[in-house]
N, C-alpha and C. Protein backbone atom coordinates (compact mmCIF):
# COMPACT_ATOMS: atom_id res chain seq x y z
N MET A 1 -12.70 -3.27 13.69
CA MET A 1 -13.76 -3.12 12.73
C MET A 1 -13.32 -3.73 11.41
N ILE A 2 -14.05 -4.67 10.93
CA ILE A 2 -13.73 -5.31 9.65
C ILE A 2 -14.74 -4.84 8.62
N LYS A 3 -14.22 -4.41 7.50
CA LYS A 3 -15.07 -3.91 6.41
C LYS A 3 -14.88 -4.80 5.20
N THR A 4 -15.84 -4.77 4.32
CA THR A 4 -15.70 -5.48 3.07
C THR A 4 -15.02 -4.58 2.06
N GLU A 5 -14.59 -5.18 0.96
CA GLU A 5 -13.93 -4.40 -0.08
C GLU A 5 -14.84 -3.37 -0.72
N THR A 6 -16.13 -3.49 -0.51
CA THR A 6 -17.05 -2.55 -1.14
C THR A 6 -17.23 -1.29 -0.30
N SER A 7 -16.52 -1.18 0.80
CA SER A 7 -16.61 0.03 1.62
C SER A 7 -16.15 1.24 0.81
N THR A 8 -16.70 2.37 1.15
CA THR A 8 -16.25 3.62 0.55
C THR A 8 -14.87 3.94 1.10
N PRO A 9 -13.90 4.26 0.23
CA PRO A 9 -12.58 4.60 0.74
C PRO A 9 -12.67 5.72 1.76
N GLY A 10 -12.04 5.51 2.88
CA GLY A 10 -12.02 6.54 3.90
C GLY A 10 -13.28 6.60 4.75
N SER A 11 -14.20 5.64 4.58
CA SER A 11 -15.45 5.69 5.34
C SER A 11 -15.22 5.48 6.83
N ALA A 12 -14.06 5.01 7.21
CA ALA A 12 -13.78 4.76 8.63
C ALA A 12 -13.03 5.91 9.28
N VAL A 13 -13.08 7.09 8.67
CA VAL A 13 -12.31 8.23 9.18
C VAL A 13 -12.64 8.49 10.64
N ASN A 14 -13.88 8.30 11.04
CA ASN A 14 -14.26 8.57 12.42
C ASN A 14 -13.82 7.48 13.37
N GLN A 15 -13.29 6.43 12.87
CA GLN A 15 -12.82 5.32 13.70
C GLN A 15 -11.31 5.41 13.87
N GLN A 16 -10.88 6.39 14.63
CA GLN A 16 -9.45 6.66 14.83
C GLN A 16 -8.69 5.40 15.26
N GLN A 17 -9.27 4.61 16.14
CA GLN A 17 -8.57 3.43 16.63
C GLN A 17 -8.33 2.43 15.51
N ASP A 18 -9.23 2.36 14.54
CA ASP A 18 -9.04 1.45 13.42
C ASP A 18 -7.89 1.90 12.53
N TRP A 19 -7.87 3.19 12.21
CA TRP A 19 -6.79 3.73 11.40
C TRP A 19 -5.45 3.57 12.09
N GLN A 20 -5.46 3.61 13.43
CA GLN A 20 -4.21 3.49 14.18
C GLN A 20 -3.51 2.17 13.88
N LEU A 21 -4.26 1.13 13.54
CA LEU A 21 -3.63 -0.14 13.16
C LEU A 21 -2.64 0.07 12.02
N LEU A 22 -3.00 0.93 11.09
CA LEU A 22 -2.12 1.24 9.96
C LEU A 22 -1.03 2.23 10.38
N PHE A 23 -1.44 3.29 11.05
CA PHE A 23 -0.48 4.35 11.40
C PHE A 23 0.57 3.89 12.40
N ASN A 24 0.23 2.93 13.25
CA ASN A 24 1.20 2.41 14.21
C ASN A 24 2.34 1.64 13.53
N MET A 25 2.16 1.31 12.28
CA MET A 25 3.20 0.62 11.53
C MET A 25 4.27 1.58 11.00
N LEU A 26 3.98 2.86 10.99
CA LEU A 26 4.90 3.83 10.39
C LEU A 26 6.32 3.81 10.98
N PRO A 27 6.51 3.73 12.29
CA PRO A 27 7.89 3.68 12.80
C PRO A 27 8.67 2.48 12.25
N ASP A 28 8.04 1.32 12.21
CA ASP A 28 8.71 0.13 11.67
C ASP A 28 8.98 0.28 10.18
N ILE A 29 8.04 0.86 9.45
CA ILE A 29 8.23 1.07 8.02
C ILE A 29 9.39 2.02 7.78
N ARG A 30 9.45 3.10 8.55
CA ARG A 30 10.53 4.09 8.39
C ARG A 30 11.90 3.49 8.69
N GLN A 31 11.97 2.55 9.61
CA GLN A 31 13.25 1.95 9.99
C GLN A 31 13.68 0.82 9.06
N THR A 32 12.76 0.30 8.30
CA THR A 32 13.07 -0.83 7.41
C THR A 32 13.79 -0.32 6.17
N ARG A 33 14.85 -0.98 5.80
CA ARG A 33 15.61 -0.61 4.60
C ARG A 33 15.39 -1.59 3.46
N ARG A 34 15.08 -2.80 3.79
CA ARG A 34 14.87 -3.83 2.78
C ARG A 34 13.51 -4.48 3.03
N PHE A 35 12.62 -4.34 2.08
CA PHE A 35 11.25 -4.80 2.25
C PHE A 35 10.97 -6.16 1.62
N GLY A 36 11.93 -6.70 0.93
CA GLY A 36 11.76 -8.01 0.31
C GLY A 36 13.01 -8.36 -0.48
N ARG A 37 12.99 -9.56 -1.01
CA ARG A 37 14.15 -9.98 -1.80
C ARG A 37 13.70 -10.97 -2.87
N LEU A 38 14.46 -11.01 -3.93
CA LEU A 38 14.22 -11.92 -5.03
C LEU A 38 14.88 -13.25 -4.70
N VAL A 39 14.11 -14.31 -4.72
CA VAL A 39 14.64 -15.64 -4.39
C VAL A 39 14.27 -16.62 -5.51
N GLY A 40 14.89 -17.77 -5.45
CA GLY A 40 14.57 -18.81 -6.42
C GLY A 40 15.60 -18.88 -7.52
N SER A 41 15.16 -19.19 -8.69
CA SER A 41 16.01 -19.37 -9.86
C SER A 41 17.10 -20.39 -9.57
N LYS A 42 16.65 -21.58 -9.19
CA LYS A 42 17.56 -22.67 -8.92
C LYS A 42 17.48 -23.68 -10.06
N LYS A 43 18.58 -24.36 -10.27
CA LYS A 43 18.58 -25.42 -11.25
C LYS A 43 17.95 -26.65 -10.62
N LEU A 44 16.94 -27.16 -11.29
CA LEU A 44 16.22 -28.32 -10.80
C LEU A 44 16.91 -29.60 -11.23
N PRO A 45 16.62 -30.71 -10.55
CA PRO A 45 17.27 -31.99 -10.90
C PRO A 45 17.10 -32.39 -12.37
N ASP A 46 16.00 -31.98 -12.99
CA ASP A 46 15.77 -32.36 -14.39
C ASP A 46 16.48 -31.41 -15.38
N GLY A 47 17.23 -30.44 -14.84
CA GLY A 47 17.98 -29.52 -15.70
C GLY A 47 17.28 -28.21 -15.96
N ASN A 48 15.98 -28.13 -15.69
CA ASN A 48 15.24 -26.89 -15.86
C ASN A 48 15.58 -25.93 -14.72
N MET A 49 15.25 -24.67 -14.93
CA MET A 49 15.46 -23.66 -13.91
C MET A 49 14.11 -23.27 -13.31
N SER A 50 14.06 -23.11 -12.00
CA SER A 50 12.85 -22.59 -11.37
C SER A 50 12.84 -21.08 -11.55
N LEU A 51 11.66 -20.52 -11.62
CA LEU A 51 11.54 -19.08 -11.81
C LEU A 51 11.77 -18.35 -10.49
N PRO A 52 12.44 -17.21 -10.54
CA PRO A 52 12.60 -16.44 -9.31
C PRO A 52 11.28 -15.77 -8.93
N PHE A 53 11.15 -15.43 -7.67
CA PHE A 53 9.96 -14.73 -7.19
C PHE A 53 10.36 -13.81 -6.05
N TRP A 54 9.49 -12.84 -5.79
CA TRP A 54 9.74 -11.88 -4.72
C TRP A 54 9.19 -12.43 -3.41
N LEU A 55 10.00 -12.39 -2.38
CA LEU A 55 9.60 -12.78 -1.05
C LEU A 55 9.56 -11.51 -0.20
N GLU A 56 8.35 -11.13 0.22
CA GLU A 56 8.20 -9.89 0.98
C GLU A 56 8.53 -10.11 2.45
N ASP A 57 9.07 -9.06 3.06
CA ASP A 57 9.37 -9.12 4.49
C ASP A 57 8.07 -8.99 5.29
N GLU A 58 8.17 -9.28 6.56
CA GLU A 58 7.00 -9.32 7.43
C GLU A 58 6.23 -8.01 7.46
N ILE A 59 6.91 -6.87 7.43
CA ILE A 59 6.23 -5.57 7.50
C ILE A 59 5.33 -5.35 6.28
N VAL A 60 5.74 -5.85 5.12
CA VAL A 60 4.92 -5.72 3.91
C VAL A 60 3.67 -6.59 4.02
N SER A 61 3.84 -7.81 4.51
CA SER A 61 2.69 -8.70 4.72
C SER A 61 1.71 -8.11 5.73
N LYS A 62 2.26 -7.55 6.80
CA LYS A 62 1.41 -6.94 7.83
C LYS A 62 0.64 -5.75 7.25
N PHE A 63 1.32 -4.92 6.46
CA PHE A 63 0.67 -3.79 5.81
C PHE A 63 -0.47 -4.27 4.90
N PHE A 64 -0.16 -5.25 4.06
CA PHE A 64 -1.14 -5.79 3.11
C PHE A 64 -2.39 -6.27 3.86
N ASN A 65 -2.19 -7.07 4.90
CA ASN A 65 -3.32 -7.60 5.66
C ASN A 65 -4.10 -6.51 6.36
N THR A 66 -3.41 -5.51 6.89
CA THR A 66 -4.07 -4.40 7.57
C THR A 66 -4.90 -3.57 6.60
N ALA A 67 -4.37 -3.32 5.41
CA ALA A 67 -5.11 -2.55 4.40
C ALA A 67 -6.43 -3.23 4.04
N TYR A 68 -6.40 -4.55 3.90
CA TYR A 68 -7.64 -5.28 3.60
C TYR A 68 -8.56 -5.33 4.82
N LEU A 69 -7.99 -5.54 5.99
CA LEU A 69 -8.78 -5.59 7.22
C LEU A 69 -9.57 -4.31 7.43
N LEU A 70 -8.93 -3.18 7.18
CA LEU A 70 -9.57 -1.88 7.38
C LEU A 70 -10.50 -1.48 6.24
N GLY A 71 -10.49 -2.23 5.16
CA GLY A 71 -11.35 -1.89 4.03
C GLY A 71 -10.83 -0.73 3.21
N ILE A 72 -9.53 -0.48 3.31
CA ILE A 72 -8.93 0.63 2.57
C ILE A 72 -8.81 0.29 1.09
N VAL A 73 -8.59 -0.97 0.79
CA VAL A 73 -8.48 -1.42 -0.60
C VAL A 73 -9.88 -1.38 -1.20
N SER A 74 -10.07 -0.49 -2.16
CA SER A 74 -11.40 -0.24 -2.70
C SER A 74 -11.59 -0.90 -4.06
N VAL A 75 -12.84 -1.00 -4.44
CA VAL A 75 -13.20 -1.60 -5.72
C VAL A 75 -13.43 -0.48 -6.72
N PHE A 76 -12.57 -0.42 -7.72
CA PHE A 76 -12.73 0.52 -8.83
C PHE A 76 -11.82 0.03 -9.95
N ASP A 77 -11.92 0.63 -11.11
CA ASP A 77 -11.13 0.21 -12.28
C ASP A 77 -9.71 0.77 -12.17
N TRP A 78 -8.95 0.22 -11.25
CA TRP A 78 -7.62 0.73 -10.96
C TRP A 78 -6.68 0.62 -12.16
N ALA A 79 -6.85 -0.42 -12.96
CA ALA A 79 -5.95 -0.64 -14.09
C ALA A 79 -6.08 0.45 -15.16
N SER A 80 -7.22 1.12 -15.21
CA SER A 80 -7.44 2.20 -16.19
C SER A 80 -7.31 3.58 -15.58
N TRP A 81 -6.89 3.66 -14.33
CA TRP A 81 -6.84 4.93 -13.63
C TRP A 81 -5.54 5.65 -13.96
N LYS A 82 -5.58 6.44 -15.04
CA LYS A 82 -4.39 7.14 -15.53
C LYS A 82 -3.86 8.15 -14.51
N GLU A 83 -4.74 8.83 -13.80
CA GLU A 83 -4.29 9.80 -12.81
C GLU A 83 -3.40 9.15 -11.75
N GLY A 84 -3.77 7.95 -11.31
CA GLY A 84 -2.98 7.23 -10.31
C GLY A 84 -1.59 6.89 -10.82
N ILE A 85 -1.54 6.44 -12.07
CA ILE A 85 -0.26 6.11 -12.69
C ILE A 85 0.61 7.36 -12.75
N ASP A 86 0.01 8.48 -13.16
CA ASP A 86 0.75 9.74 -13.26
C ASP A 86 1.26 10.20 -11.89
N ILE A 87 0.42 10.08 -10.87
CA ILE A 87 0.82 10.49 -9.53
C ILE A 87 2.00 9.64 -9.04
N LEU A 88 1.87 8.33 -9.18
CA LEU A 88 2.92 7.43 -8.68
C LEU A 88 4.22 7.54 -9.48
N ASN A 89 4.12 7.91 -10.74
CA ASN A 89 5.33 8.06 -11.57
C ASN A 89 5.96 9.44 -11.46
N ASN A 90 5.30 10.36 -10.76
CA ASN A 90 5.82 11.71 -10.61
C ASN A 90 6.75 11.77 -9.40
N PRO A 91 8.05 11.94 -9.61
CA PRO A 91 8.98 11.97 -8.48
C PRO A 91 8.78 13.18 -7.56
N ASP A 92 8.07 14.20 -8.05
CA ASP A 92 7.83 15.40 -7.25
C ASP A 92 6.43 15.43 -6.64
N ALA A 93 5.70 14.33 -6.73
CA ALA A 93 4.33 14.31 -6.22
C ALA A 93 4.31 14.57 -4.72
N ASP A 94 3.44 15.47 -4.30
CA ASP A 94 3.23 15.74 -2.88
C ASP A 94 1.90 15.08 -2.53
N PHE A 95 1.98 13.95 -1.85
CA PHE A 95 0.78 13.18 -1.55
C PHE A 95 -0.16 13.92 -0.60
N ASN A 96 0.34 14.91 0.10
CA ASN A 96 -0.51 15.72 0.98
C ASN A 96 -1.49 16.58 0.19
N ASP A 97 -1.26 16.73 -1.11
CA ASP A 97 -2.16 17.52 -1.96
C ASP A 97 -3.43 16.76 -2.33
N TYR A 98 -3.50 15.48 -2.00
CA TYR A 98 -4.63 14.65 -2.42
C TYR A 98 -5.55 14.35 -1.25
N ASP A 99 -6.84 14.18 -1.57
CA ASP A 99 -7.80 13.86 -0.52
C ASP A 99 -7.68 12.39 -0.12
N LEU A 100 -8.37 12.03 0.95
CA LEU A 100 -8.26 10.68 1.49
C LEU A 100 -8.74 9.62 0.50
N GLU A 101 -9.77 9.93 -0.26
CA GLU A 101 -10.27 8.96 -1.25
C GLU A 101 -9.20 8.66 -2.30
N THR A 102 -8.53 9.69 -2.78
CA THR A 102 -7.47 9.50 -3.77
C THR A 102 -6.31 8.70 -3.17
N LEU A 103 -5.97 8.99 -1.93
CA LEU A 103 -4.88 8.26 -1.27
C LEU A 103 -5.24 6.78 -1.11
N CYS A 104 -6.50 6.50 -0.77
CA CYS A 104 -6.95 5.11 -0.68
C CYS A 104 -6.90 4.43 -2.04
N LYS A 105 -7.24 5.17 -3.07
CA LYS A 105 -7.17 4.62 -4.43
C LYS A 105 -5.72 4.36 -4.83
N LEU A 106 -4.80 5.24 -4.44
CA LEU A 106 -3.38 5.00 -4.73
C LEU A 106 -2.90 3.74 -4.05
N LEU A 107 -3.28 3.59 -2.80
CA LEU A 107 -2.92 2.38 -2.06
C LEU A 107 -3.50 1.15 -2.74
N THR A 108 -4.75 1.23 -3.15
CA THR A 108 -5.40 0.13 -3.86
C THR A 108 -4.65 -0.18 -5.15
N PHE A 109 -4.30 0.85 -5.89
CA PHE A 109 -3.58 0.67 -7.15
C PHE A 109 -2.31 -0.13 -6.93
N VAL A 110 -1.53 0.25 -5.92
CA VAL A 110 -0.25 -0.42 -5.65
C VAL A 110 -0.48 -1.87 -5.24
N VAL A 111 -1.41 -2.10 -4.34
CA VAL A 111 -1.67 -3.46 -3.86
C VAL A 111 -2.18 -4.36 -4.98
N ARG A 112 -3.10 -3.84 -5.78
CA ARG A 112 -3.65 -4.65 -6.88
C ARG A 112 -2.63 -4.86 -7.98
N CYS A 113 -1.87 -3.84 -8.29
CA CYS A 113 -0.85 -3.95 -9.34
C CYS A 113 0.17 -5.02 -8.98
N ASP A 114 0.47 -5.15 -7.69
CA ASP A 114 1.45 -6.14 -7.24
C ASP A 114 1.01 -7.56 -7.58
N LYS A 115 -0.28 -7.78 -7.69
CA LYS A 115 -0.77 -9.12 -8.05
C LYS A 115 -0.40 -9.50 -9.48
N PHE A 116 -0.22 -8.50 -10.32
CA PHE A 116 0.09 -8.74 -11.73
C PHE A 116 1.53 -8.40 -12.07
N CYS A 117 2.17 -7.63 -11.22
CA CYS A 117 3.56 -7.24 -11.40
C CYS A 117 4.27 -7.46 -10.07
N GLU A 118 4.58 -8.72 -9.82
CA GLU A 118 5.15 -9.12 -8.53
C GLU A 118 6.36 -8.28 -8.17
N GLY A 119 6.38 -7.78 -6.95
CA GLY A 119 7.47 -6.96 -6.48
C GLY A 119 7.16 -5.47 -6.52
N TYR A 120 6.04 -5.08 -7.12
CA TYR A 120 5.71 -3.66 -7.22
C TYR A 120 5.46 -3.04 -5.84
N LEU A 121 4.76 -3.75 -4.98
CA LEU A 121 4.50 -3.25 -3.64
C LEU A 121 5.81 -3.08 -2.87
N ILE A 122 6.69 -4.06 -2.98
CA ILE A 122 8.00 -3.98 -2.33
C ILE A 122 8.75 -2.75 -2.86
N ASN A 123 8.72 -2.55 -4.17
CA ASN A 123 9.40 -1.40 -4.77
C ASN A 123 8.84 -0.08 -4.24
N CYS A 124 7.52 0.00 -4.11
CA CYS A 124 6.91 1.24 -3.63
C CYS A 124 7.27 1.52 -2.17
N PHE A 125 7.51 0.47 -1.40
CA PHE A 125 8.01 0.68 -0.04
C PHE A 125 9.47 1.12 -0.08
N GLU A 126 10.27 0.46 -0.90
CA GLU A 126 11.70 0.77 -0.93
C GLU A 126 11.99 2.16 -1.48
N THR A 127 11.16 2.66 -2.36
CA THR A 127 11.35 4.02 -2.88
C THR A 127 10.75 5.08 -1.96
N GLY A 128 10.02 4.65 -0.92
CA GLY A 128 9.43 5.57 0.04
C GLY A 128 8.04 6.04 -0.32
N LYS A 129 7.52 5.64 -1.48
CA LYS A 129 6.19 6.11 -1.90
C LYS A 129 5.09 5.66 -0.95
N MET A 130 5.14 4.41 -0.50
CA MET A 130 4.08 3.92 0.39
C MET A 130 4.14 4.65 1.73
N THR A 131 5.33 4.93 2.21
CA THR A 131 5.45 5.68 3.47
C THR A 131 4.81 7.04 3.32
N LEU A 132 5.08 7.71 2.21
CA LEU A 132 4.51 9.03 1.97
C LEU A 132 2.99 8.98 1.86
N VAL A 133 2.47 7.95 1.20
CA VAL A 133 1.01 7.80 1.08
C VAL A 133 0.39 7.59 2.45
N ILE A 134 0.97 6.71 3.26
CA ILE A 134 0.42 6.43 4.59
C ILE A 134 0.52 7.67 5.47
N GLU A 135 1.61 8.40 5.41
CA GLU A 135 1.75 9.63 6.19
C GLU A 135 0.71 10.66 5.77
N ALA A 136 0.46 10.78 4.48
CA ALA A 136 -0.55 11.72 4.00
C ALA A 136 -1.94 11.28 4.46
N MET A 137 -2.20 9.98 4.46
CA MET A 137 -3.47 9.46 4.96
C MET A 137 -3.63 9.82 6.44
N GLN A 138 -2.56 9.66 7.19
CA GLN A 138 -2.59 9.97 8.61
C GLN A 138 -2.93 11.45 8.83
N SER A 139 -2.33 12.32 8.05
CA SER A 139 -2.62 13.76 8.17
C SER A 139 -4.09 14.04 7.90
N LYS A 140 -4.63 13.41 6.86
CA LYS A 140 -6.05 13.64 6.51
C LYS A 140 -6.98 13.12 7.60
N VAL A 141 -6.69 11.91 8.09
CA VAL A 141 -7.56 11.32 9.12
C VAL A 141 -7.51 12.16 10.39
N TYR A 142 -6.33 12.59 10.79
CA TYR A 142 -6.23 13.43 11.98
C TYR A 142 -6.93 14.77 11.78
N ALA A 143 -6.82 15.34 10.58
CA ALA A 143 -7.51 16.61 10.29
C ALA A 143 -9.02 16.43 10.36
N TYR A 144 -9.54 15.31 9.83
CA TYR A 144 -10.98 15.04 9.91
C TYR A 144 -11.41 14.87 11.35
N GLN A 145 -10.54 14.27 12.17
CA GLN A 145 -10.87 14.09 13.59
C GLN A 145 -11.00 15.43 14.29
N LEU A 146 -10.14 16.37 13.96
CA LEU A 146 -10.18 17.69 14.58
C LEU A 146 -11.41 18.47 14.16
N ILE A 147 -11.79 18.31 12.88
CA ILE A 147 -12.94 19.04 12.34
C ILE A 147 -14.24 18.41 12.86
N GLY A 148 -14.29 17.06 12.81
CA GLY A 148 -15.51 16.35 13.16
C GLY A 148 -15.67 16.25 14.61
């Protein structure tokens, strides 16, 4: 099932098989220790230096593409969403305390922020935050499946 970015976050809760595309990545994410690396910064023939950039590993690219494919990345003013910043900066945040819409917004925040702060998505994987968000999403989707 392919959705557009204008989908309501979590609108595919009843489509367990679609969410499984994301949740099936969890074992690989948990086993990965390095999600990307900084490359570049070479001296060019003209004496200038090339700028370094983050090169993400395959699991990060797969996650990114899956999030867009499922329509999890939502359209909202993520850059002004103070609550999201506070949640992500809180080392004691329990992502299970948030509803599926908020979790989708957190995922959106991280993915969109990475476009302006290269390496942020990699960092969120390496610190374990993305794993925790995806696990919390999985709990919510499975709970909705049991109720619905």
